[in-house]
Amino acid sequence: IISAKGVRGTMIYKGVELYNVHELLDDQQGEGAICTRIPSDLRPKLNDSARSQALFTTGCEVRFVLNSDQAAIVLRSPERPAVVEVYQGCFRTAWHVIDAEPSAISIVLPGNIEELADLSDEQGLPFDARLTVAEQPGHAGEGAIDIQGRFELPRPEQTPSTKLLCYGSSITHGAATIGATGTYAARTAQHLGVDLINLGFGGGAHLEREMADYIAGRNDWDLATLEIGINVIPHIDVA
């Protein structure tokens, strides 16, 4: 496990917050860090699909307040090309396609950042426009390779205090979506003005007792949805 500090389901890593990330694991090829959305001691107790899908970065975000002229986030997506979306608060300012080769994503504040911040304050938007959020792809199996710049960590008032946890299978994880913000879970959180904890596992929502105990034992969510997919039919009986 890579040295990092976990806080309520997030990781503090290289001066930024990795949201919806429980731990960082060493990449065996030495090319970065693999994000896991659930604890490593829970993963072996789940089905094969959930064990692998837990390492995909749906709902995982790099969050920070930029204190330098620009920053760079180096990411890769070994499985397939994928889209990284960059937001200033609630406003998407850029998107980038990454693939198996390390891609450096340059982060700069837009020229109208003060206007966006004033608009966020006036409209009571749930995310502060001064907060940069890089939304990682739903089907990438690789987390941050490198992060460069000067940052401050997000302050509590810059993000919603209410959190929605969504557990489910592929529709929660984001099957057929281009970006991670296209999932029903992300869209629901956006419409409610809350923060999202995505626990979608494509083909892997098998309702294990261990997963139920883990969700019930977390103290960082206020609302939860449980999407019971048809992929449980071959794996559990009625009892």
C-alpha atoms as a PDB file:
ATOM      1  CA  ILE A   1       0.000   0.000   0.000  1.00  0.00           C
ATOM      2  CA  ILE A   2       1.404   3.378  -1.000  1.00  0.00           C
ATOM      3  CA  SER A   3       2.017   5.823   1.815  1.00  0.00           C
ATOM      4  CA  ALA A   4      -0.934   8.170   1.986  1.00  0.00           C
ATOM      5  CA  LYS A   5      -3.366   9.391   4.580  1.00  0.00           C
ATOM      6  CA  GLY A   6      -6.977   8.256   4.491  1.00  0.00           C
ATOM      7  CA  VAL A   7      -9.750  10.567   5.726  1.00  0.00           C
ATOM      8  CA  ARG A   8     -13.412   9.432   5.684  1.00  0.00           C
ATOM      9  CA  GLY A   9     -13.139   7.511   2.423  1.00  0.00           C
ATOM     10  CA  THR A  10     -10.643   9.892   0.828  1.00  0.00           C
ATOM     11  CA  MET A  11      -6.875   9.852   0.426  1.00  0.00           C
ATOM     12  CA  ILE A  12      -4.498  12.764   0.883  1.00  0.00           C
ATOM     13  CA  TYR A  13      -1.741  12.189  -1.653  1.00  0.00           C
ATOM     14  CA  LYS A  14       0.957  14.585  -2.892  1.00  0.00           C
ATOM     15  CA  GLY A  15      -0.940  17.552  -1.503  1.00  0.00           C
ATOM     16  CA  VAL A  16      -4.300  16.787  -3.108  1.00  0.00           C
ATOM     17  CA  GLU A  17      -7.413  14.906  -2.070  1.00  0.00           C
ATOM     18  CA  LEU A  18      -8.286  11.682  -3.875  1.00  0.00           C
ATOM     19  CA  TYR A  19     -12.021  11.495  -3.305  1.00  0.00           C
ATOM     20  CA  ASN A  20     -13.899   8.156  -3.234  1.00  0.00           C
ATOM     21  CA  VAL A  21     -10.546   6.386  -2.905  1.00  0.00           C
ATOM     22  CA  HIS A  22     -10.032   4.190   0.150  1.00  0.00           C
ATOM     23  CA  GLU A  23      -6.457   3.060  -0.498  1.00  0.00           C
ATOM     24  CA  LEU A  24      -3.676   3.337  -3.046  1.00  0.00           C
ATOM     25  CA  LEU A  25      -1.951   0.146  -4.149  1.00  0.00           C
ATOM     26  CA  ASP A  26       1.433  -0.232  -5.828  1.00  0.00           C
ATOM     27  CA  ASP A  27       1.319  -0.898  -9.550  1.00  0.00           C
ATOM     28  CA  GLN A  28       3.362  -4.048 -10.120  1.00  0.00           C
ATOM     29  CA  GLN A  29       4.842  -2.481 -13.259  1.00  0.00           C
ATOM     30  CA  GLY A  30       5.993   0.499 -11.208  1.00  0.00           C
ATOM     31  CA  GLU A  31       4.015   2.946 -13.327  1.00  0.00           C
ATOM     32  CA  GLY A  32       1.903   4.635 -10.704  1.00  0.00           C
ATOM     33  CA  ALA A  33      -0.715   3.979  -8.098  1.00  0.00           C
ATOM     34  CA  ILE A  34      -3.836   1.843  -8.363  1.00  0.00           C
ATOM     35  CA  CYS A  35      -6.917   3.204  -6.613  1.00  0.00           C
ATOM     36  CA  THR A  36      -9.231   0.924  -4.688  1.00  0.00           C
ATOM     37  CA  ARG A  37     -12.630   2.222  -3.651  1.00  0.00           C
ATOM     38  CA  ILE A  38     -12.997  -0.291  -0.813  1.00  0.00           C
ATOM     39  CA  PRO A  39     -10.590  -1.675   1.807  1.00  0.00           C
ATOM     40  CA  SER A  40      -8.082  -4.290   0.707  1.00  0.00           C
ATOM     41  CA  ASP A  41      -9.210  -6.647   3.453  1.00  0.00           C
ATOM     42  CA  LEU A  42     -12.794  -6.480   2.124  1.00  0.00           C
ATOM     43  CA  ARG A  43     -12.026  -7.158  -1.544  1.00  0.00           C
ATOM     44  CA  PRO A  44     -10.996 -10.848  -1.130  1.00  0.00           C
ATOM     45  CA  LYS A  45     -14.341 -11.581   0.554  1.00  0.00           C
ATOM     46  CA  LEU A  46     -16.333 -10.468  -2.495  1.00  0.00           C
ATOM     47  CA  ASN A  47     -17.058 -12.070  -5.862  1.00  0.00           C
ATOM     48  CA  ASP A  48     -14.492 -12.001  -8.670  1.00  0.00           C
ATOM     49  CA  SER A  49     -16.185  -9.177 -10.552  1.00  0.00           C
ATOM     50  CA  ALA A  50     -16.433  -6.897  -7.523  1.00  0.00           C
ATOM     51  CA  ARG A  51     -12.805  -7.592  -6.641  1.00  0.00           C
ATOM     52  CA  SER A  52     -11.649  -6.361 -10.038  1.00  0.00           C
ATOM     53  CA  GLN A  53     -14.214  -3.583 -10.491  1.00  0.00           C
ATOM     54  CA  ALA A  54     -13.304  -2.074  -7.119  1.00  0.00           C
ATOM     55  CA  LEU A  55     -10.011  -1.044  -8.746  1.00  0.00           C
ATOM     56  CA  PHE A  56     -11.796   0.941 -11.473  1.00  0.00           C
ATOM     57  CA  THR A  57     -12.020   4.655 -10.799  1.00  0.00           C
ATOM     58  CA  THR A  58     -15.694   5.448 -11.308  1.00  0.00           C
ATOM     59  CA  GLY A  59     -16.585   8.324  -8.998  1.00  0.00           C
ATOM     60  CA  CYS A  60     -12.927   8.852  -8.049  1.00  0.00           C
ATOM     61  CA  GLU A  61     -11.780  12.449  -8.205  1.00  0.00           C
ATOM     62  CA  VAL A  62      -8.616  14.503  -7.748  1.00  0.00           C
ATOM     63  CA  ARG A  63      -9.626  17.584  -5.750  1.00  0.00           C
ATOM     64  CA  PHE A  64      -7.537  20.636  -4.853  1.00  0.00           C
ATOM     65  CA  VAL A  65      -7.336  24.414  -4.729  1.00  0.00           C
ATOM     66  CA  LEU A  66      -4.626  25.543  -7.135  1.00  0.00           C
ATOM     67  CA  ASN A  67      -1.947  27.788  -5.642  1.00  0.00           C
ATOM     68  CA  SER A  68       0.350  27.950  -8.675  1.00  0.00           C
ATOM     69  CA  ASP A  69      -0.056  29.180 -12.235  1.00  0.00           C
ATOM     70  CA  GLN A  70      -0.728  25.660 -13.404  1.00  0.00           C
ATOM     71  CA  ALA A  71      -0.631  22.037 -12.330  1.00  0.00           C
ATOM     72  CA  ALA A  72      -0.145  18.720 -14.092  1.00  0.00           C
ATOM     73  CA  ILE A  73      -1.820  15.390 -13.372  1.00  0.00           C
ATOM     74  CA  VAL A  74      -0.294  12.382 -15.103  1.00  0.00           C
ATOM     75  CA  LEU A  75      -2.785   9.539 -15.654  1.00  0.00           C
ATOM     76  CA  ARG A  76      -3.140   6.463 -17.824  1.00  0.00           C
ATOM     77  CA  SER A  77      -5.935   4.053 -18.700  1.00  0.00           C
ATOM     78  CA  PRO A  78      -4.428   0.632 -19.463  1.00  0.00           C
ATOM     79  CA  GLU A  79      -7.683  -1.124 -20.382  1.00  0.00           C
ATOM     80  CA  ARG A  80      -9.086   1.275 -23.016  1.00  0.00           C
ATOM     81  CA  PRO A  81      -9.101   4.977 -23.961  1.00  0.00           C
ATOM     82  CA  ALA A  82     -11.085   6.983 -21.427  1.00  0.00           C
ATOM     83  CA  VAL A  83     -12.225  10.524 -20.707  1.00  0.00           C
ATOM     84  CA  VAL A  84     -11.073  12.689 -17.796  1.00  0.00           C
ATOM     85  CA  GLU A  85     -13.328  15.677 -17.074  1.00  0.00           C
ATOM     86  CA  VAL A  86     -11.996  18.803 -15.334  1.00  0.00           C
ATOM     87  CA  TYR A  87     -14.337  21.044 -13.348  1.00  0.00           C
ATOM     88  CA  GLN A  88     -14.072  24.307 -11.486  1.00  0.00           C
ATOM     89  CA  GLY A  89     -16.763  23.696  -8.921  1.00  0.00           C
ATOM     90  CA  CYS A  90     -19.915  22.900 -10.913  1.00  0.00           C
ATOM     91  CA  PHE A  91     -18.506  24.182 -14.229  1.00  0.00           C
ATOM     92  CA  ARG A  92     -16.769  21.807 -16.612  1.00  0.00           C
ATOM     93  CA  THR A  93     -13.777  23.625 -18.073  1.00  0.00           C
ATOM     94  CA  ALA A  94     -11.988  20.864 -20.017  1.00  0.00           C
ATOM     95  CA  TRP A  95     -11.922  17.214 -20.909  1.00  0.00           C
ATOM     96  CA  HIS A  96      -9.064  14.961 -21.985  1.00  0.00           C
ATOM     97  CA  VAL A  97      -8.750  11.498 -23.524  1.00  0.00           C
ATOM     98  CA  ILE A  98      -6.162   9.232 -21.906  1.00  0.00           C
ATOM     99  CA  ASP A  99      -4.936   5.804 -22.985  1.00  0.00           C
ATOM    100  CA  ALA A 100      -2.334   3.226 -22.040  1.00  0.00           C
ATOM    101  CA  GLU A 101       0.532   5.700 -22.333  1.00  0.00           C
ATOM    102  CA  PRO A 102       0.961   8.204 -19.469  1.00  0.00           C
ATOM    103  CA  SER A 103      -0.861  11.435 -20.310  1.00  0.00           C
ATOM    104  CA  ALA A 104      -0.037  14.768 -18.651  1.00  0.00           C
ATOM    105  CA  ILE A 105      -3.192  16.798 -18.099  1.00  0.00           C
ATOM    106  CA  SER A 106      -2.435  20.483 -17.660  1.00  0.00           C
ATOM    107  CA  ILE A 107      -4.639  22.340 -15.181  1.00  0.00           C
ATOM    108  CA  VAL A 108      -4.938  26.134 -15.351  1.00  0.00           C
ATOM    109  CA  LEU A 109      -7.610  28.358 -13.878  1.00  0.00           C
ATOM    110  CA  PRO A 110      -9.946  29.865 -16.483  1.00  0.00           C
ATOM    111  CA  GLY A 111      -9.675  33.584 -17.084  1.00  0.00           C
ATOM    112  CA  ASN A 112     -13.175  34.171 -15.712  1.00  0.00           C
ATOM    113  CA  ILE A 113     -12.626  32.258 -12.459  1.00  0.00           C
ATOM    114  CA  GLU A 114     -13.750  35.226 -10.322  1.00  0.00           C
ATOM    115  CA  GLU A 115     -16.971  35.492 -12.326  1.00  0.00           C
ATOM    116  CA  LEU A 116     -17.563  31.762 -11.866  1.00  0.00           C
ATOM    117  CA  ALA A 117     -16.879  32.081  -8.143  1.00  0.00           C
ATOM    118  CA  ASP A 118     -19.287  35.011  -7.790  1.00  0.00           C
ATOM    119  CA  LEU A 119     -21.947  33.124  -9.741  1.00  0.00           C
ATOM    120  CA  SER A 120     -21.484  30.055  -7.535  1.00  0.00           C
ATOM    121  CA  ASP A 121     -21.902  32.175  -4.419  1.00  0.00           C
ATOM    122  CA  GLU A 122     -24.930  34.056  -5.770  1.00  0.00           C
ATOM    123  CA  GLN A 123     -26.703  30.898  -6.918  1.00  0.00           C
ATOM    124  CA  GLY A 124     -25.733  28.834  -3.868  1.00  0.00           C
ATOM    125  CA  LEU A 125     -24.145  26.144  -6.025  1.00  0.00           C
ATOM    126  CA  PRO A 126     -22.994  23.053  -4.095  1.00  0.00           C
ATOM    127  CA  PHE A 127     -19.321  23.229  -5.160  1.00  0.00           C
ATOM    128  CA  ASP A 128     -17.067  26.275  -4.868  1.00  0.00           C
ATOM    129  CA  ALA A 129     -15.751  27.358  -8.283  1.00  0.00           C
ATOM    130  CA  ARG A 130     -12.288  27.836  -6.770  1.00  0.00           C
ATOM    131  CA  LEU A 131     -12.164  24.076  -6.193  1.00  0.00           C
ATOM    132  CA  THR A 132     -10.619  22.105  -9.066  1.00  0.00           C
ATOM    133  CA  VAL A 133     -11.990  18.606  -9.597  1.00  0.00           C
ATOM    134  CA  ALA A 134     -10.521  16.136 -12.092  1.00  0.00           C
ATOM    135  CA  GLU A 135     -13.123  13.407 -12.551  1.00  0.00           C
ATOM    136  CA  GLN A 136     -11.407  10.107 -13.324  1.00  0.00           C
ATOM    137  CA  PRO A 137     -12.891   7.663 -15.861  1.00  0.00           C
ATOM    138  CA  GLY A 138     -15.291   4.973 -14.785  1.00  0.00           C
ATOM    139  CA  HIS A 139     -13.367   2.127 -16.407  1.00  0.00           C
ATOM    140  CA  ALA A 140      -9.752   3.093 -15.849  1.00  0.00           C
ATOM    141  CA  GLY A 141      -7.765   0.731 -13.682  1.00  0.00           C
ATOM    142  CA  GLU A 142      -4.987   3.150 -12.864  1.00  0.00           C
ATOM    143  CA  GLY A 143      -4.904   6.080 -10.503  1.00  0.00           C
ATOM    144  CA  ALA A 144      -2.533   9.018 -10.328  1.00  0.00           C
ATOM    145  CA  ILE A 145       0.958   8.433 -11.689  1.00  0.00           C
ATOM    146  CA  ASP A 146       2.237  11.874 -10.775  1.00  0.00           C
ATOM    147  CA  ILE A 147       0.806  15.171  -9.551  1.00  0.00           C
ATOM    148  CA  GLN A 148       2.770  18.412  -9.872  1.00  0.00           C
ATOM    149  CA  GLY A 149       1.961  21.882  -8.600  1.00  0.00           C
ATOM    150  CA  ARG A 150       1.220  23.834  -5.430  1.00  0.00           C
ATOM    151  CA  PHE A 151      -2.096  23.063  -3.801  1.00  0.00           C
ATOM    152  CA  GLU A 152      -4.369  23.563  -0.844  1.00  0.00           C
ATOM    153  CA  LEU A 153      -6.701  20.797   0.263  1.00  0.00           C
ATOM    154  CA  PRO A 154     -10.436  21.386  -0.188  1.00  0.00           C
ATOM    155  CA  ARG A 155     -12.132  23.078   2.740  1.00  0.00           C
ATOM    156  CA  PRO A 156     -15.367  21.562   4.090  1.00  0.00           C
ATOM    157  CA  GLU A 157     -17.447  24.527   2.959  1.00  0.00           C
ATOM    158  CA  GLN A 158     -16.297  24.056  -0.655  1.00  0.00           C
ATOM    159  CA  THR A 159     -18.183  20.779  -1.084  1.00  0.00           C
ATOM    160  CA  PRO A 160     -21.695  19.634  -0.111  1.00  0.00           C
ATOM    161  CA  SER A 161     -22.105  18.461   3.459  1.00  0.00           C
ATOM    162  CA  THR A 162     -24.674  15.828   2.413  1.00  0.00           C
ATOM    163  CA  LYS A 163     -23.348  12.660   0.796  1.00  0.00           C
ATOM    164  CA  LEU A 164     -25.199  10.112  -1.321  1.00  0.00           C
ATOM    165  CA  LEU A 165     -23.832   6.549  -1.422  1.00  0.00           C
ATOM    166  CA  CYS A 166     -24.877   4.441  -4.421  1.00  0.00           C
ATOM    167  CA  TYR A 167     -24.326   0.672  -4.399  1.00  0.00           C
ATOM    168  CA  GLY A 168     -25.105  -1.349  -7.502  1.00  0.00           C
ATOM    169  CA  SER A 169     -23.892  -3.112 -10.614  1.00  0.00           C
ATOM    170  CA  SER A 170     -23.010  -1.930 -14.115  1.00  0.00           C
ATOM    171  CA  ILE A 171     -25.674   0.770 -14.404  1.00  0.00           C
ATOM    172  CA  THR A 172     -24.342   2.336 -11.192  1.00  0.00           C
ATOM    173  CA  HIS A 173     -20.727   1.805 -12.225  1.00  0.00           C
ATOM    174  CA  GLY A 174     -21.379   3.476 -15.583  1.00  0.00           C
ATOM    175  CA  ALA A 175     -21.773   0.942 -18.379  1.00  0.00           C
ATOM    176  CA  ALA A 176     -21.895   2.669 -21.778  1.00  0.00           C
ATOM    177  CA  THR A 177     -21.236   6.141 -20.369  1.00  0.00           C
ATOM    178  CA  ILE A 178     -18.491   8.233 -21.943  1.00  0.00           C
ATOM    179  CA  GLY A 179     -17.515  10.051 -18.751  1.00  0.00           C
ATOM    180  CA  ALA A 180     -17.992   9.154 -15.102  1.00  0.00           C
ATOM    181  CA  THR A 181     -20.396  12.074 -14.645  1.00  0.00           C
ATOM    182  CA  GLY A 182     -22.837  10.404 -17.044  1.00  0.00           C
ATOM    183  CA  THR A 183     -23.902   7.678 -14.614  1.00  0.00           C
ATOM    184  CA  TYR A 184     -27.373   7.816 -13.100  1.00  0.00           C
ATOM    185  CA  ALA A 185     -25.668   8.030  -9.705  1.00  0.00           C
ATOM    186  CA  ALA A 186     -23.680  11.137 -10.696  1.00  0.00           C
ATOM    187  CA  ARG A 187     -26.681  12.772 -12.341  1.00  0.00           C
ATOM    188  CA  THR A 188     -28.834  12.086  -9.279  1.00  0.00           C
ATOM    189  CA  ALA A 189     -26.212  13.623  -6.993  1.00  0.00           C
ATOM    190  CA  GLN A 190     -25.963  16.647  -9.296  1.00  0.00           C
ATOM    191  CA  HIS A 191     -29.727  17.232  -9.285  1.00  0.00           C
ATOM    192  CA  LEU A 192     -29.874  16.860  -5.489  1.00  0.00           C
ATOM    193  CA  GLY A 193     -26.840  19.096  -4.947  1.00  0.00           C
ATOM    194  CA  VAL A 194     -25.048  16.446  -2.869  1.00  0.00           C
ATOM    195  CA  ASP A 195     -21.671  14.722  -2.934  1.00  0.00           C
ATOM    196  CA  LEU A 196     -21.478  11.202  -4.406  1.00  0.00           C
ATOM    197  CA  ILE A 197     -19.839   8.036  -3.100  1.00  0.00           C
ATOM    198  CA  ASN A 198     -19.990   5.607  -6.027  1.00  0.00           C
ATOM    199  CA  LEU A 199     -19.869   1.937  -5.026  1.00  0.00           C
ATOM    200  CA  GLY A 200     -20.932   0.563  -8.387  1.00  0.00           C
ATOM    201  CA  PHE A 201     -19.319  -2.729  -9.413  1.00  0.00           C
ATOM    202  CA  GLY A 202     -20.178  -3.854 -12.941  1.00  0.00           C
ATOM    203  CA  GLY A 203     -21.546  -7.395 -12.705  1.00  0.00           C
ATOM    204  CA  GLY A 204     -20.496  -7.566  -9.069  1.00  0.00           C
ATOM    205  CA  ALA A 205     -23.350  -6.312  -6.859  1.00  0.00           C
ATOM    206  CA  HIS A 206     -23.977  -9.716  -5.255  1.00  0.00           C
ATOM    207  CA  LEU A 207     -25.253  -8.452  -1.893  1.00  0.00           C
ATOM    208  CA  GLU A 208     -22.560 -10.122   0.200  1.00  0.00           C
ATOM    209  CA  ARG A 209     -23.020  -9.814   3.935  1.00  0.00           C
ATOM    210  CA  GLU A 210     -19.504  -8.386   4.193  1.00  0.00           C
ATOM    211  CA  MET A 211     -20.369  -5.587   1.763  1.00  0.00           C
ATOM    212  CA  ALA A 212     -23.606  -4.853   3.619  1.00  0.00           C
ATOM    213  CA  ASP A 213     -21.718  -4.634   6.908  1.00  0.00           C
ATOM    214  CA  TYR A 214     -19.124  -2.355   5.328  1.00  0.00           C
ATOM    215  CA  ILE A 215     -21.731   0.063   3.949  1.00  0.00           C
ATOM    216  CA  ALA A 216     -23.656   0.054   7.226  1.00  0.00           C
ATOM    217  CA  GLY A 217     -20.459   0.661   9.185  1.00  0.00           C
ATOM    218  CA  ARG A 218     -19.385   3.737   7.201  1.00  0.00           C
ATOM    219  CA  ASN A 219     -20.185   7.036   8.908  1.00  0.00           C
ATOM    220  CA  ASP A 220     -19.746   9.345   5.926  1.00  0.00           C
ATOM    221  CA  TRP A 221     -23.029   9.016   4.020  1.00  0.00           C
ATOM    222  CA  ASP A 222     -26.476  10.495   4.644  1.00  0.00           C
ATOM    223  CA  LEU A 223     -28.515   8.894   1.850  1.00  0.00           C
ATOM    224  CA  ALA A 224     -28.083   5.584   0.046  1.00  0.00           C
ATOM    225  CA  THR A 225     -29.520   3.867  -2.995  1.00  0.00           C
ATOM    226  CA  LEU A 226     -29.202   0.122  -3.568  1.00  0.00           C
ATOM    227  CA  GLU A 227     -29.550  -0.905  -7.216  1.00  0.00           C
ATOM    228  CA  ILE A 228     -30.195  -4.648  -7.246  1.00  0.00           C
ATOM    229  CA  GLY A 229     -29.210  -5.850 -10.712  1.00  0.00           C
ATOM    230  CA  ILE A 230     -30.183  -9.014 -12.536  1.00  0.00           C
ATOM    231  CA  ASN A 231     -26.633 -10.329 -12.289  1.00  0.00           C
ATOM    232  CA  VAL A 232     -27.373 -11.598  -8.787  1.00  0.00           C
ATOM    233  CA  ILE A 233     -29.837 -14.211 -10.116  1.00  0.00           C
ATOM    234  CA  PRO A 234     -27.261 -16.958 -10.888  1.00  0.00           C
ATOM    235  CA  HIS A 235     -25.393 -16.365  -7.628  1.00  0.00           C
ATOM    236  CA  ILE A 236     -27.923 -16.214  -4.789  1.00  0.00           C
ATOM    237  CA  ASP A 237     -31.057 -18.136  -3.920  1.00  0.00           C
ATOM    238  CA  VAL A 238     -34.348 -16.757  -2.665  1.00  0.00           C
ATOM    239  CA  ALA A 239     -33.526 -17.429   0.981  1.00  0.00           C
END
